[in-house]
Amino acid sequence: MDDSRQSDTFRQQEEYAALRATIRERGTVRMVLLPATLAAWAAVAIATTAAIAYPIAVLLPLLVLTGGFEAIYALHVNVERIGRYIQVFHEPTGGWEHTAMTFGQRFPGRGGDGLFSGVFLMATALNYLPMALGGTTPELVVAGLLHLLLALHIGTARRRAAQLRRSDLERFETLRDDATI
């Protein structure tokens, strides 16, 4: 093997190892971020309830939930994108990414929820509870709409992530095919 091909092979192996490490690290961050978000949400909810007598105090904890979900969602989508890149450029004849994607297509609903959407939906509902128990009608409506907006966002995020997985695969395949012309 000549030096340039050997260098390309080494570069590809290094890139593959770095991408797998990135997936592993971001997966770990997601697992740590969920309890951290829930702990921060609970602390803020207790603090605002104790410090602010108004039921509108549920908005700051709602912001914490929103931020935590958005961070987990971004990590999830980016890990999926890296996986599709690996699938196309490092595993053209099959491998983990091909198998994992095929498994998900053939057996939908059999894996975990990488976005923890059920947990975030429960926390969102619980966050609204103080408002429901003591808010005025205008407060109930405003806070209810904001909570509903987050719930709808969470509810559609899994579908959007799954669609992005397919479209990213097609886009990376197009990029690969264009590069070989």
N, C-alpha and C. Protein backbone atom coordinates (compact mmCIF):
# COMPACT_ATOMS: atom_id res chain seq x y z
N MET A 1 0.86 -1.18 0.00
CA MET A 1 0.00 0.00 0.00
C MET A 1 0.90 1.23 0.00
N ASP A 2 0.60 2.17 -0.89
CA ASP A 2 1.43 3.38 -0.95
C ASP A 2 1.11 4.30 0.23
N ASP A 3 1.99 5.29 0.44
CA ASP A 3 1.88 6.17 1.61
C ASP A 3 0.59 6.96 1.64
N SER A 4 0.08 7.43 0.49
CA SER A 4 -1.14 8.24 0.49
C SER A 4 -2.36 7.38 0.85
N ARG A 5 -2.43 6.16 0.37
CA ARG A 5 -3.56 5.27 0.72
C ARG A 5 -3.48 4.86 2.18
N GLN A 6 -2.26 4.63 2.65
CA GLN A 6 -2.08 4.28 4.05
C GLN A 6 -2.47 5.45 4.95
N SER A 7 -2.13 6.65 4.53
CA SER A 7 -2.49 7.86 5.26
C SER A 7 -4.01 8.05 5.28
N ASP A 8 -4.66 7.82 4.13
CA ASP A 8 -6.13 7.93 4.05
C ASP A 8 -6.80 6.91 4.97
N THR A 9 -6.29 5.68 4.97
CA THR A 9 -6.86 4.63 5.83
C THR A 9 -6.70 5.00 7.30
N PHE A 10 -5.52 5.50 7.66
CA PHE A 10 -5.29 5.92 9.04
C PHE A 10 -6.22 7.07 9.42
N ARG A 11 -6.36 8.04 8.52
CA ARG A 11 -7.25 9.18 8.77
C ARG A 11 -8.68 8.71 8.96
N GLN A 12 -9.13 7.78 8.13
CA GLN A 12 -10.49 7.26 8.24
C GLN A 12 -10.69 6.52 9.56
N GLN A 13 -9.69 5.75 9.98
CA GLN A 13 -9.79 5.03 11.26
C GLN A 13 -9.83 6.01 12.43
N GLU A 14 -9.03 7.04 12.35
CA GLU A 14 -9.01 8.07 13.39
C GLU A 14 -10.35 8.81 13.44
N GLU A 15 -10.87 9.16 12.27
CA GLU A 15 -12.16 9.85 12.21
C GLU A 15 -13.26 8.96 12.77
N TYR A 16 -13.27 7.70 12.39
CA TYR A 16 -14.28 6.76 12.88
C TYR A 16 -14.22 6.66 14.41
N ALA A 17 -13.03 6.51 14.95
CA ALA A 17 -12.86 6.40 16.40
C ALA A 17 -13.33 7.68 17.09
N ALA A 18 -13.01 8.82 16.52
CA ALA A 18 -13.43 10.10 17.12
C ALA A 18 -14.95 10.27 17.07
N LEU A 19 -15.55 9.87 15.97
CA LEU A 19 -17.01 9.98 15.86
C LEU A 19 -17.73 9.04 16.82
N ARG A 20 -17.24 7.81 16.95
CA ARG A 20 -17.84 6.87 17.90
C ARG A 20 -17.69 7.41 19.33
N ALA A 21 -16.53 8.00 19.63
CA ALA A 21 -16.32 8.58 20.96
C ALA A 21 -17.27 9.75 21.20
N THR A 22 -17.51 10.54 20.17
CA THR A 22 -18.44 11.66 20.29
C THR A 22 -19.85 11.15 20.58
N ILE A 23 -20.26 10.11 19.88
CA ILE A 23 -21.59 9.53 20.14
C ILE A 23 -21.67 9.03 21.58
N ARG A 24 -20.64 8.33 22.03
CA ARG A 24 -20.63 7.79 23.40
C ARG A 24 -20.70 8.92 24.43
N GLU A 25 -19.89 9.95 24.23
CA GLU A 25 -19.85 11.05 25.19
C GLU A 25 -21.17 11.81 25.23
N ARG A 26 -21.73 12.09 24.07
CA ARG A 26 -22.99 12.83 24.05
C ARG A 26 -24.14 12.00 24.60
N GLY A 27 -24.08 10.70 24.40
CA GLY A 27 -25.08 9.82 25.00
C GLY A 27 -25.01 9.87 26.51
N THR A 28 -23.80 9.89 27.03
CA THR A 28 -23.60 9.99 28.48
C THR A 28 -24.09 11.34 28.99
N VAL A 29 -23.79 12.40 28.27
CA VAL A 29 -24.24 13.73 28.68
C VAL A 29 -25.76 13.78 28.75
N ARG A 30 -26.42 13.17 27.76
CA ARG A 30 -27.89 13.15 27.79
C ARG A 30 -28.41 12.45 29.04
N MET A 31 -27.77 11.34 29.41
CA MET A 31 -28.21 10.58 30.59
C MET A 31 -27.98 11.37 31.88
N VAL A 32 -26.96 12.19 31.92
CA VAL A 32 -26.67 13.01 33.09
C VAL A 32 -27.55 14.26 33.09
N LEU A 33 -27.81 14.77 31.91
CA LEU A 33 -28.58 16.01 31.79
C LEU A 33 -30.04 15.84 32.25
N LEU A 34 -30.61 14.66 32.05
CA LEU A 34 -32.00 14.45 32.48
C LEU A 34 -32.16 14.63 33.99
N PRO A 35 -31.44 13.87 34.83
CA PRO A 35 -31.62 14.10 36.28
C PRO A 35 -31.17 15.49 36.72
N ALA A 36 -30.16 16.05 36.06
CA ALA A 36 -29.73 17.41 36.41
C ALA A 36 -30.84 18.42 36.11
N THR A 37 -31.49 18.25 34.96
CA THR A 37 -32.59 19.15 34.60
C THR A 37 -33.74 19.00 35.58
N LEU A 38 -34.08 17.76 35.91
CA LEU A 38 -35.19 17.54 36.84
C LEU A 38 -34.88 18.08 38.23
N ALA A 39 -33.64 17.93 38.67
CA ALA A 39 -33.24 18.48 39.97
C ALA A 39 -33.29 20.00 39.96
N ALA A 40 -32.79 20.60 38.89
CA ALA A 40 -32.84 22.07 38.78
C ALA A 40 -34.28 22.56 38.71
N TRP A 41 -35.10 21.84 37.94
CA TRP A 41 -36.52 22.20 37.84
C TRP A 41 -37.19 22.15 39.21
N ALA A 42 -36.97 21.06 39.95
CA ALA A 42 -37.58 20.92 41.27
C ALA A 42 -37.10 22.01 42.21
N ALA A 43 -35.81 22.31 42.18
CA ALA A 43 -35.26 23.35 43.06
C ALA A 43 -35.85 24.72 42.72
N VAL A 44 -35.94 25.03 41.44
CA VAL A 44 -36.50 26.32 41.03
C VAL A 44 -37.99 26.37 41.35
N ALA A 45 -38.69 25.27 41.15
CA ALA A 45 -40.13 25.24 41.46
C ALA A 45 -40.37 25.48 42.95
N ILE A 46 -39.60 24.84 43.79
CA ILE A 46 -39.74 25.03 45.24
C ILE A 46 -39.37 26.45 45.63
N ALA A 47 -38.27 26.94 45.09
CA ALA A 47 -37.81 28.29 45.44
C ALA A 47 -38.80 29.35 44.99
N THR A 48 -39.32 29.23 43.77
CA THR A 48 -40.26 30.26 43.30
C THR A 48 -41.59 30.17 44.04
N THR A 49 -42.00 28.97 44.37
CA THR A 49 -43.25 28.81 45.13
C THR A 49 -43.11 29.42 46.52
N ALA A 50 -41.95 29.25 47.13
CA ALA A 50 -41.71 29.80 48.47
C ALA A 50 -41.51 31.31 48.44
N ALA A 51 -40.87 31.81 47.39
CA ALA A 51 -40.52 33.23 47.36
C ALA A 51 -41.59 34.10 46.72
N ILE A 52 -42.34 33.54 45.81
CA ILE A 52 -43.34 34.32 45.08
C ILE A 52 -44.70 33.69 45.37
N ALA A 53 -45.59 34.48 45.91
CA ALA A 53 -46.89 33.96 46.31
C ALA A 53 -47.84 33.77 45.13
N TYR A 54 -47.48 34.30 44.00
CA TYR A 54 -48.37 34.23 42.85
C TYR A 54 -48.23 32.91 42.10
N PRO A 55 -49.32 32.38 41.63
CA PRO A 55 -49.25 31.14 40.86
C PRO A 55 -48.44 31.29 39.57
N ILE A 56 -48.26 32.51 39.10
CA ILE A 56 -47.51 32.74 37.87
C ILE A 56 -46.05 32.32 38.04
N ALA A 57 -45.64 31.99 39.26
CA ALA A 57 -44.28 31.54 39.55
C ALA A 57 -43.94 30.24 38.83
N VAL A 58 -44.91 29.58 38.21
CA VAL A 58 -44.64 28.33 37.49
C VAL A 58 -43.88 28.58 36.19
N LEU A 59 -43.77 29.83 35.76
CA LEU A 59 -43.13 30.10 34.47
C LEU A 59 -41.61 29.92 34.50
N LEU A 60 -40.95 30.28 35.59
CA LEU A 60 -39.51 30.09 35.67
C LEU A 60 -39.14 28.59 35.65
N PRO A 61 -39.80 27.75 36.44
CA PRO A 61 -39.52 26.32 36.33
C PRO A 61 -39.85 25.75 34.94
N LEU A 62 -40.86 26.30 34.29
CA LEU A 62 -41.18 25.87 32.93
C LEU A 62 -40.03 26.19 31.99
N LEU A 63 -39.40 27.32 32.20
CA LEU A 63 -38.24 27.70 31.39
C LEU A 63 -37.08 26.72 31.61
N VAL A 64 -36.89 26.26 32.84
CA VAL A 64 -35.84 25.27 33.14
C VAL A 64 -36.15 23.96 32.41
N LEU A 65 -37.39 23.52 32.44
CA LEU A 65 -37.78 22.30 31.72
C LEU A 65 -37.54 22.45 30.22
N THR A 66 -37.93 23.59 29.70
CA THR A 66 -37.75 23.85 28.26
C THR A 66 -36.28 23.81 27.88
N GLY A 67 -35.44 24.47 28.65
CA GLY A 67 -34.01 24.48 28.38
C GLY A 67 -33.40 23.08 28.45
N GLY A 68 -33.79 22.31 29.43
CA GLY A 68 -33.28 20.95 29.56
C GLY A 68 -33.71 20.08 28.39
N PHE A 69 -34.97 20.19 28.01
CA PHE A 69 -35.45 19.40 26.87
C PHE A 69 -34.73 19.80 25.59
N GLU A 70 -34.56 21.09 25.37
CA GLU A 70 -33.89 21.55 24.16
C GLU A 70 -32.45 21.07 24.09
N ALA A 71 -31.76 21.05 25.22
CA ALA A 71 -30.38 20.56 25.24
C ALA A 71 -30.34 19.07 24.90
N ILE A 72 -31.23 18.29 25.49
CA ILE A 72 -31.28 16.86 25.20
C ILE A 72 -31.68 16.62 23.76
N TYR A 73 -32.61 17.39 23.26
CA TYR A 73 -33.05 17.25 21.87
C TYR A 73 -31.90 17.55 20.90
N ALA A 74 -31.16 18.62 21.16
CA ALA A 74 -30.02 18.96 20.31
C ALA A 74 -28.97 17.87 20.33
N LEU A 75 -28.64 17.36 21.52
CA LEU A 75 -27.68 16.26 21.62
C LEU A 75 -28.15 15.04 20.85
N HIS A 76 -29.42 14.70 20.99
CA HIS A 76 -29.99 13.53 20.32
C HIS A 76 -29.92 13.67 18.80
N VAL A 77 -30.35 14.80 18.29
CA VAL A 77 -30.36 15.02 16.84
C VAL A 77 -28.94 14.99 16.28
N ASN A 78 -28.00 15.59 16.98
CA ASN A 78 -26.63 15.62 16.50
C ASN A 78 -25.97 14.24 16.55
N VAL A 79 -26.29 13.45 17.57
CA VAL A 79 -25.78 12.08 17.63
C VAL A 79 -26.35 11.26 16.48
N GLU A 80 -27.63 11.44 16.20
CA GLU A 80 -28.24 10.73 15.06
C GLU A 80 -27.56 11.14 13.75
N ARG A 81 -27.26 12.41 13.60
CA ARG A 81 -26.61 12.88 12.37
C ARG A 81 -25.21 12.27 12.23
N ILE A 82 -24.48 12.21 13.31
CA ILE A 82 -23.16 11.57 13.27
C ILE A 82 -23.31 10.09 12.90
N GLY A 83 -24.33 9.45 13.45
CA GLY A 83 -24.58 8.05 13.12
C GLY A 83 -24.85 7.84 11.65
N ARG A 84 -25.62 8.74 11.05
CA ARG A 84 -25.91 8.60 9.62
C ARG A 84 -24.64 8.84 8.80
N TYR A 85 -23.79 9.76 9.24
CA TYR A 85 -22.51 10.00 8.55
C TYR A 85 -21.66 8.73 8.60
N ILE A 86 -21.57 8.14 9.78
CA ILE A 86 -20.81 6.89 9.92
C ILE A 86 -21.40 5.81 9.02
N GLN A 87 -22.72 5.72 9.01
CA GLN A 87 -23.40 4.71 8.21
C GLN A 87 -23.02 4.82 6.74
N VAL A 88 -22.97 6.02 6.22
CA VAL A 88 -22.72 6.22 4.79
C VAL A 88 -21.23 6.19 4.46
N PHE A 89 -20.41 6.86 5.25
CA PHE A 89 -19.00 7.01 4.88
C PHE A 89 -18.05 6.00 5.51
N HIS A 90 -18.47 5.34 6.59
CA HIS A 90 -17.57 4.39 7.25
C HIS A 90 -18.10 2.96 7.25
N GLU A 91 -19.38 2.77 7.00
CA GLU A 91 -19.97 1.43 7.00
C GLU A 91 -20.80 1.20 5.73
N PRO A 92 -20.19 1.40 4.57
CA PRO A 92 -20.99 1.31 3.33
C PRO A 92 -21.57 -0.08 3.07
N THR A 93 -20.97 -1.12 3.63
CA THR A 93 -21.48 -2.47 3.38
C THR A 93 -22.20 -3.04 4.59
N GLY A 94 -22.47 -2.23 5.59
CA GLY A 94 -23.18 -2.69 6.78
C GLY A 94 -22.34 -2.46 8.02
N GLY A 95 -22.97 -2.60 9.16
CA GLY A 95 -22.31 -2.36 10.44
C GLY A 95 -23.35 -1.97 11.46
N TRP A 96 -22.88 -1.48 12.59
CA TRP A 96 -23.78 -1.14 13.70
C TRP A 96 -24.86 -0.14 13.29
N GLU A 97 -24.49 0.94 12.63
CA GLU A 97 -25.46 1.97 12.28
C GLU A 97 -26.53 1.43 11.32
N HIS A 98 -26.13 0.63 10.35
CA HIS A 98 -27.11 0.01 9.44
C HIS A 98 -28.07 -0.89 10.22
N THR A 99 -27.50 -1.72 11.08
CA THR A 99 -28.31 -2.66 11.86
C THR A 99 -29.26 -1.93 12.80
N ALA A 100 -28.75 -0.92 13.48
CA ALA A 100 -29.59 -0.16 14.42
C ALA A 100 -30.73 0.53 13.70
N MET A 101 -30.46 1.11 12.54
CA MET A 101 -31.51 1.80 11.79
C MET A 101 -32.53 0.80 11.25
N THR A 102 -32.07 -0.33 10.74
CA THR A 102 -32.98 -1.36 10.24
C THR A 102 -33.85 -1.90 11.37
N PHE A 103 -33.24 -2.12 12.52
CA PHE A 103 -33.99 -2.60 13.69
C PHE A 103 -35.12 -1.62 14.03
N GLY A 104 -34.77 -0.33 14.08
CA GLY A 104 -35.77 0.69 14.40
C GLY A 104 -36.90 0.76 13.39
N GLN A 105 -36.59 0.52 12.12
CA GLN A 105 -37.62 0.54 11.08
C GLN A 105 -38.50 -0.70 11.14
N ARG A 106 -37.90 -1.84 11.38
CA ARG A 106 -38.66 -3.10 11.38
C ARG A 106 -39.42 -3.33 12.66
N PHE A 107 -38.94 -2.80 13.76
CA PHE A 107 -39.56 -3.01 15.06
C PHE A 107 -39.77 -1.67 15.77
N PRO A 108 -40.63 -0.81 15.22
CA PRO A 108 -40.81 0.51 15.82
C PRO A 108 -41.38 0.41 17.25
N GLY A 109 -40.94 1.33 18.07
CA GLY A 109 -41.44 1.39 19.44
C GLY A 109 -40.78 0.40 20.37
N ARG A 110 -39.74 -0.29 19.92
CA ARG A 110 -39.08 -1.30 20.74
C ARG A 110 -37.86 -0.76 21.48
N GLY A 111 -37.48 0.45 21.19
CA GLY A 111 -36.31 1.03 21.84
C GLY A 111 -36.71 2.04 22.89
N GLY A 112 -35.72 2.56 23.56
CA GLY A 112 -35.98 3.60 24.54
C GLY A 112 -36.27 4.94 23.88
N ASP A 113 -36.70 5.87 24.67
CA ASP A 113 -37.00 7.21 24.18
C ASP A 113 -35.79 8.09 24.47
N GLY A 114 -34.97 8.30 23.46
CA GLY A 114 -33.75 9.09 23.62
C GLY A 114 -34.00 10.53 24.01
N LEU A 115 -35.24 10.99 23.85
CA LEU A 115 -35.58 12.36 24.22
C LEU A 115 -36.24 12.44 25.60
N PHE A 116 -36.52 11.30 26.20
CA PHE A 116 -37.18 11.25 27.51
C PHE A 116 -38.48 12.04 27.49
N SER A 117 -39.20 11.95 26.38
CA SER A 117 -40.38 12.79 26.19
C SER A 117 -41.46 12.51 27.24
N GLY A 118 -41.64 11.27 27.62
CA GLY A 118 -42.65 10.95 28.64
C GLY A 118 -42.34 11.62 29.97
N VAL A 119 -41.09 11.61 30.34
CA VAL A 119 -40.66 12.24 31.60
C VAL A 119 -40.89 13.75 31.52
N PHE A 120 -40.52 14.35 30.40
CA PHE A 120 -40.70 15.80 30.26
C PHE A 120 -42.18 16.18 30.20
N LEU A 121 -43.00 15.35 29.59
CA LEU A 121 -44.44 15.64 29.56
C LEU A 121 -45.04 15.56 30.97
N MET A 122 -44.61 14.56 31.75
CA MET A 122 -45.10 14.47 33.13
C MET A 122 -44.66 15.67 33.95
N ALA A 123 -43.40 16.06 33.81
CA ALA A 123 -42.89 17.22 34.55
C ALA A 123 -43.63 18.49 34.15
N THR A 124 -43.94 18.61 32.87
CA THR A 124 -44.68 19.78 32.39
C THR A 124 -46.07 19.83 33.02
N ALA A 125 -46.73 18.69 33.06
CA ALA A 125 -48.07 18.63 33.69
C ALA A 125 -47.97 18.94 35.18
N LEU A 126 -46.99 18.38 35.86
CA LEU A 126 -46.81 18.66 37.29
C LEU A 126 -46.48 20.13 37.53
N ASN A 127 -45.74 20.73 36.62
CA ASN A 127 -45.38 22.12 36.77
C ASN A 127 -46.61 23.03 36.72
N TYR A 128 -47.62 22.62 35.99
CA TYR A 128 -48.83 23.43 35.86
C TYR A 128 -49.73 23.31 37.09
N LEU A 129 -49.55 22.27 37.87
CA LEU A 129 -50.43 21.99 38.99
C LEU A 129 -50.62 23.17 39.96
N PRO A 130 -49.56 23.86 40.41
CA PRO A 130 -49.79 25.00 41.32
C PRO A 130 -50.67 26.08 40.69
N MET A 131 -50.51 26.26 39.40
CA MET A 131 -51.34 27.25 38.70
C MET A 131 -52.80 26.79 38.70
N ALA A 132 -52.99 25.53 38.40
CA ALA A 132 -54.35 24.99 38.33
C ALA A 132 -55.05 25.07 39.68
N LEU A 133 -54.30 24.99 40.76
CA LEU A 133 -54.89 25.01 42.09
C LEU A 133 -55.15 26.41 42.63
N GLY A 134 -54.50 27.44 42.03
CA GLY A 134 -54.69 28.74 42.63
C GLY A 134 -54.62 29.93 41.70
N GLY A 135 -54.65 29.69 40.43
CA GLY A 135 -54.52 30.80 39.50
C GLY A 135 -55.85 31.45 39.15
N THR A 136 -55.77 32.69 38.75
CA THR A 136 -56.95 33.38 38.24
C THR A 136 -57.16 32.94 36.79
N THR A 137 -58.29 33.27 36.25
CA THR A 137 -58.59 32.84 34.88
C THR A 137 -57.55 33.34 33.87
N PRO A 138 -57.16 34.61 33.88
CA PRO A 138 -56.13 35.03 32.93
C PRO A 138 -54.81 34.28 33.12
N GLU A 139 -54.42 34.05 34.39
CA GLU A 139 -53.19 33.31 34.67
C GLU A 139 -53.29 31.87 34.18
N LEU A 140 -54.44 31.26 34.42
CA LEU A 140 -54.65 29.89 33.98
C LEU A 140 -54.51 29.77 32.46
N VAL A 141 -55.07 30.74 31.75
CA VAL A 141 -55.04 30.70 30.29
C VAL A 141 -53.61 30.91 29.77
N VAL A 142 -52.94 31.95 30.26
CA VAL A 142 -51.58 32.26 29.78
C VAL A 142 -50.62 31.12 30.11
N ALA A 143 -50.60 30.72 31.36
CA ALA A 143 -49.69 29.64 31.77
C ALA A 143 -50.09 28.33 31.09
N GLY A 144 -51.37 28.10 30.95
CA GLY A 144 -51.83 26.88 30.28
C GLY A 144 -51.37 26.82 28.84
N LEU A 145 -51.46 27.94 28.14
CA LEU A 145 -51.00 27.97 26.75
C LEU A 145 -49.49 27.73 26.64
N LEU A 146 -48.73 28.32 27.55
CA LEU A 146 -47.28 28.12 27.53
C LEU A 146 -46.91 26.66 27.83
N HIS A 147 -47.60 26.06 28.80
CA HIS A 147 -47.36 24.66 29.11
C HIS A 147 -47.79 23.77 27.93
N LEU A 148 -48.89 24.10 27.33
CA LEU A 148 -49.37 23.34 26.17
C LEU A 148 -48.41 23.46 25.01
N LEU A 149 -47.85 24.63 24.82
CA LEU A 149 -46.87 24.82 23.75
C LEU A 149 -45.65 23.92 23.95
N LEU A 150 -45.14 23.85 25.18
CA LEU A 150 -44.02 22.95 25.45
C LEU A 150 -44.44 21.50 25.25
N ALA A 151 -45.61 21.12 25.73
CA ALA A 151 -46.08 19.74 25.57
C ALA A 151 -46.20 19.36 24.09
N LEU A 152 -46.71 20.27 23.27
CA LEU A 152 -46.81 20.00 21.83
C LEU A 152 -45.43 19.86 21.20
N HIS A 153 -44.52 20.72 21.61
CA HIS A 153 -43.15 20.65 21.11
C HIS A 153 -42.51 19.31 21.47
N ILE A 154 -42.65 18.89 22.70
CA ILE A 154 -42.12 17.61 23.14
C ILE A 154 -42.78 16.47 22.37
N GLY A 155 -44.09 16.57 22.22
CA GLY A 155 -44.83 15.50 21.55
C GLY A 155 -44.47 15.31 20.09
N THR A 156 -44.05 16.36 19.44
CA THR A 156 -43.70 16.24 18.01
C THR A 156 -42.20 16.04 17.79
N ALA A 157 -41.40 16.21 18.82
CA ALA A 157 -39.94 16.12 18.66
C ALA A 157 -39.48 14.73 18.22
N ARG A 158 -40.08 13.68 18.75
CA ARG A 158 -39.68 12.33 18.35
C ARG A 158 -39.94 12.09 16.87
N ARG A 159 -41.08 12.54 16.41
CA ARG A 159 -41.42 12.35 14.99
C ARG A 159 -40.45 13.14 14.11
N ARG A 160 -40.16 14.36 14.51
CA ARG A 160 -39.21 15.18 13.74
C ARG A 160 -37.83 14.55 13.73
N ALA A 161 -37.40 14.01 14.86
CA ALA A 161 -36.08 13.37 14.93
C ALA A 161 -36.03 12.14 14.02
N ALA A 162 -37.10 11.35 14.00
CA ALA A 162 -37.13 10.17 13.13
C ALA A 162 -37.12 10.57 11.66
N GLN A 163 -37.83 11.61 11.31
CA GLN A 163 -37.83 12.08 9.93
C GLN A 163 -36.46 12.62 9.54
N LEU A 164 -35.81 13.29 10.46
CA LEU A 164 -34.49 13.83 10.21
C LEU A 164 -33.49 12.70 9.98
N ARG A 165 -33.65 11.60 10.69
CA ARG A 165 -32.77 10.45 10.51
C ARG A 165 -32.81 9.97 9.07
N ARG A 166 -34.01 9.83 8.52
CA ARG A 166 -34.15 9.37 7.13
C ARG A 166 -33.62 10.40 6.14
N SER A 167 -33.95 11.66 6.35
CA SER A 167 -33.51 12.68 5.41
C SER A 167 -31.99 12.88 5.48
N ASP A 168 -31.40 12.79 6.68
CA ASP A 168 -29.94 12.89 6.79
C ASP A 168 -29.27 11.74 6.05
N LEU A 169 -29.82 10.55 6.15
CA LEU A 169 -29.25 9.41 5.44
C LEU A 169 -29.26 9.67 3.93
N GLU A 170 -30.39 10.16 3.43
CA GLU A 170 -30.48 10.46 2.00
C GLU A 170 -29.49 11.56 1.60
N ARG A 171 -29.36 12.58 2.42
CA ARG A 171 -28.45 13.69 2.11
C ARG A 171 -26.99 13.24 2.11
N PHE A 172 -26.61 12.44 3.11
CA PHE A 172 -25.24 11.94 3.14
C PHE A 172 -24.96 11.01 1.96
N GLU A 173 -25.95 10.20 1.58
CA GLU A 173 -25.76 9.34 0.41
C GLU A 173 -25.58 10.19 -0.85
N THR A 174 -26.32 11.27 -0.97
CA THR A 174 -26.17 12.18 -2.11
C THR A 174 -24.79 12.81 -2.11
N LEU A 175 -24.33 13.27 -0.95
CA LEU A 175 -22.99 13.84 -0.86
C LEU A 175 -21.92 12.81 -1.24
N ARG A 176 -22.08 11.59 -0.77
CA ARG A 176 -21.12 10.54 -1.11
C ARG A 176 -21.13 10.26 -2.61
N ASP A 177 -22.33 10.15 -3.17
CA ASP A 177 -22.44 9.85 -4.61
C ASP A 177 -21.90 11.01 -5.45
N ASP A 178 -22.13 12.24 -5.04
CA ASP A 178 -21.61 13.40 -5.78
C ASP A 178 -20.08 13.45 -5.73
N ALA A 179 -19.51 12.99 -4.63
CA ALA A 179 -18.05 13.02 -4.47
C ALA A 179 -17.36 11.96 -5.33
N THR A 180 -18.08 10.91 -5.68
CA THR A 180 -17.47 9.83 -6.47
C THR A 180 -17.63 10.03 -7.98
N ILE A 181 -18.34 11.09 -8.37
CA ILE A 181 -18.55 11.34 -9.81
C ILE A 181 -17.32 11.96 -10.41
